[in-house]
Amino acid sequence: MSEKIYLPSGLATDAIAITPSDSTVLTVFGLYVGGAGNVAVTGLSGVAVTFTNVPAGTILPIAVNRVMLTNTTATNITGFLV
């Protein structure tokens, strides 16, 4: 049984620089990837996924609670807050 998660809609109200960490918990509603590479995240449901070969300048429209240090090679990652 999975619980539905309702995400806010609209524009971000702020943004934060993200330092990948396997232990830091945060909640952001999208990621901007400034430097190309892989981005390993844990979604709000707890499922881990790695986006591979993400080009510089990409916006990943996914809500996450961790940007993992392990397996993340992309740089200059920014998270969107609502």
C-alpha atoms as a PDB file:
ATOM      1  CA  MET A   1       0.000   0.000   0.000  1.00  0.00           C
ATOM      2  CA  SER A   2       1.541   3.302  -1.017  1.00  0.00           C
ATOM      3  CA  GLU A   3       0.532   6.690   0.265  1.00  0.00           C
ATOM      4  CA  LYS A   4      -0.020   9.436  -2.304  1.00  0.00           C
ATOM      5  CA  ILE A   5       2.164  12.481  -1.921  1.00  0.00           C
ATOM      6  CA  TYR A   6       0.713  15.776  -3.115  1.00  0.00           C
ATOM      7  CA  LEU A   7       3.346  18.236  -4.217  1.00  0.00           C
ATOM      8  CA  PRO A   8       2.929  21.988  -4.339  1.00  0.00           C
ATOM      9  CA  SER A   9       2.597  23.527  -7.768  1.00  0.00           C
ATOM     10  CA  GLY A  10       3.784  26.779  -9.207  1.00  0.00           C
ATOM     11  CA  LEU A  11       7.063  28.588  -9.200  1.00  0.00           C
ATOM     12  CA  ALA A  12       9.860  28.063  -6.727  1.00  0.00           C
ATOM     13  CA  THR A  13      10.026  30.705  -4.016  1.00  0.00           C
ATOM     14  CA  ASP A  14      13.709  30.209  -3.252  1.00  0.00           C
ATOM     15  CA  ALA A  15      16.727  28.088  -4.110  1.00  0.00           C
ATOM     16  CA  ILE A  16      19.609  26.571  -2.165  1.00  0.00           C
ATOM     17  CA  ALA A  17      23.050  25.338  -3.123  1.00  0.00           C
ATOM     18  CA  ILE A  18      23.305  21.611  -2.491  1.00  0.00           C
ATOM     19  CA  THR A  19      26.374  19.797  -1.262  1.00  0.00           C
ATOM     20  CA  PRO A  20      25.815  16.092  -1.938  1.00  0.00           C
ATOM     21  CA  SER A  21      25.739  14.038   1.279  1.00  0.00           C
ATOM     22  CA  ASP A  22      24.718  10.487   2.100  1.00  0.00           C
ATOM     23  CA  SER A  23      23.318  11.607   5.466  1.00  0.00           C
ATOM     24  CA  THR A  24      21.912  15.147   5.101  1.00  0.00           C
ATOM     25  CA  VAL A  25      18.118  15.186   4.817  1.00  0.00           C
ATOM     26  CA  LEU A  26      16.534  18.055   2.892  1.00  0.00           C
ATOM     27  CA  THR A  27      13.360  18.602   0.936  1.00  0.00           C
ATOM     28  CA  VAL A  28      13.568  20.276  -2.447  1.00  0.00           C
ATOM     29  CA  PHE A  29      11.119  20.239  -5.322  1.00  0.00           C
ATOM     30  CA  GLY A  30      13.455  20.109  -8.293  1.00  0.00           C
ATOM     31  CA  LEU A  31      17.161  20.251  -9.043  1.00  0.00           C
ATOM     32  CA  TYR A  32      19.245  22.378 -11.364  1.00  0.00           C
ATOM     33  CA  VAL A  33      22.457  20.653 -12.469  1.00  0.00           C
ATOM     34  CA  GLY A  34      25.168  23.184 -13.323  1.00  0.00           C
ATOM     35  CA  GLY A  35      27.963  20.730 -14.155  1.00  0.00           C
ATOM     36  CA  ALA A  36      27.408  17.525 -16.145  1.00  0.00           C
ATOM     37  CA  GLY A  37      27.511  14.089 -14.520  1.00  0.00           C
ATOM     38  CA  ASN A  38      25.464  11.591 -12.542  1.00  0.00           C
ATOM     39  CA  VAL A  39      22.983  12.669  -9.849  1.00  0.00           C
ATOM     40  CA  ALA A  40      22.060  10.101  -7.189  1.00  0.00           C
ATOM     41  CA  VAL A  41      18.989  10.997  -5.136  1.00  0.00           C
ATOM     42  CA  THR A  42      16.474   9.596  -2.706  1.00  0.00           C
ATOM     43  CA  GLY A  43      12.910  10.585  -3.520  1.00  0.00           C
ATOM     44  CA  LEU A  44      10.296  11.572  -0.952  1.00  0.00           C
ATOM     45  CA  SER A  45       9.039   7.979  -0.923  1.00  0.00           C
ATOM     46  CA  GLY A  46      12.515   6.734   0.014  1.00  0.00           C
ATOM     47  CA  VAL A  47      13.339   5.184  -3.353  1.00  0.00           C
ATOM     48  CA  ALA A  48      16.918   5.770  -4.508  1.00  0.00           C
ATOM     49  CA  VAL A  49      17.680   6.438  -8.169  1.00  0.00           C
ATOM     50  CA  THR A  50      20.687   7.663 -10.133  1.00  0.00           C
ATOM     51  CA  PHE A  51      20.210   9.911 -13.147  1.00  0.00           C
ATOM     52  CA  THR A  52      23.151   9.163 -15.440  1.00  0.00           C
ATOM     53  CA  ASN A  53      24.951  11.503 -17.808  1.00  0.00           C
ATOM     54  CA  VAL A  54      22.856  14.554 -16.917  1.00  0.00           C
ATOM     55  CA  PRO A  55      23.974  17.450 -19.147  1.00  0.00           C
ATOM     56  CA  ALA A  56      24.989  20.781 -17.634  1.00  0.00           C
ATOM     57  CA  GLY A  57      22.059  23.184 -17.455  1.00  0.00           C
ATOM     58  CA  THR A  58      19.440  20.478 -16.879  1.00  0.00           C
ATOM     59  CA  ILE A  59      16.500  20.896 -14.515  1.00  0.00           C
ATOM     60  CA  LEU A  60      15.366  17.616 -12.950  1.00  0.00           C
ATOM     61  CA  PRO A  61      11.678  18.018 -11.994  1.00  0.00           C
ATOM     62  CA  ILE A  62      11.740  15.602  -9.050  1.00  0.00           C
ATOM     63  CA  ALA A  63      11.121  16.156  -5.336  1.00  0.00           C
ATOM     64  CA  VAL A  64      13.926  14.655  -3.275  1.00  0.00           C
ATOM     65  CA  ASN A  65      14.998  14.419   0.340  1.00  0.00           C
ATOM     66  CA  ARG A  66      18.655  13.546  -0.332  1.00  0.00           C
ATOM     67  CA  VAL A  67      21.227  14.233  -3.013  1.00  0.00           C
ATOM     68  CA  MET A  68      23.682  11.449  -2.336  1.00  0.00           C
ATOM     69  CA  LEU A  69      27.446  11.907  -2.307  1.00  0.00           C
ATOM     70  CA  THR A  70      27.887   8.283  -3.370  1.00  0.00           C
ATOM     71  CA  ASN A  71      27.446   8.005  -7.158  1.00  0.00           C
ATOM     72  CA  THR A  72      26.921  11.762  -7.716  1.00  0.00           C
ATOM     73  CA  THR A  73      29.523  13.182 -10.092  1.00  0.00           C
ATOM     74  CA  ALA A  74      27.588  16.238 -11.276  1.00  0.00           C
ATOM     75  CA  THR A  75      28.569  19.616  -9.802  1.00  0.00           C
ATOM     76  CA  ASN A  76      26.981  22.960  -9.002  1.00  0.00           C
ATOM     77  CA  ILE A  77      23.641  21.452  -7.983  1.00  0.00           C
ATOM     78  CA  THR A  78      20.897  23.809  -6.824  1.00  0.00           C
ATOM     79  CA  GLY A  79      17.612  22.798  -5.191  1.00  0.00           C
ATOM     80  CA  PHE A  80      14.283  24.597  -5.642  1.00  0.00           C
ATOM     81  CA  LEU A  81      12.180  25.456  -2.585  1.00  0.00           C
ATOM     82  CA  VAL A  82       8.471  26.226  -2.602  1.00  0.00           C
END
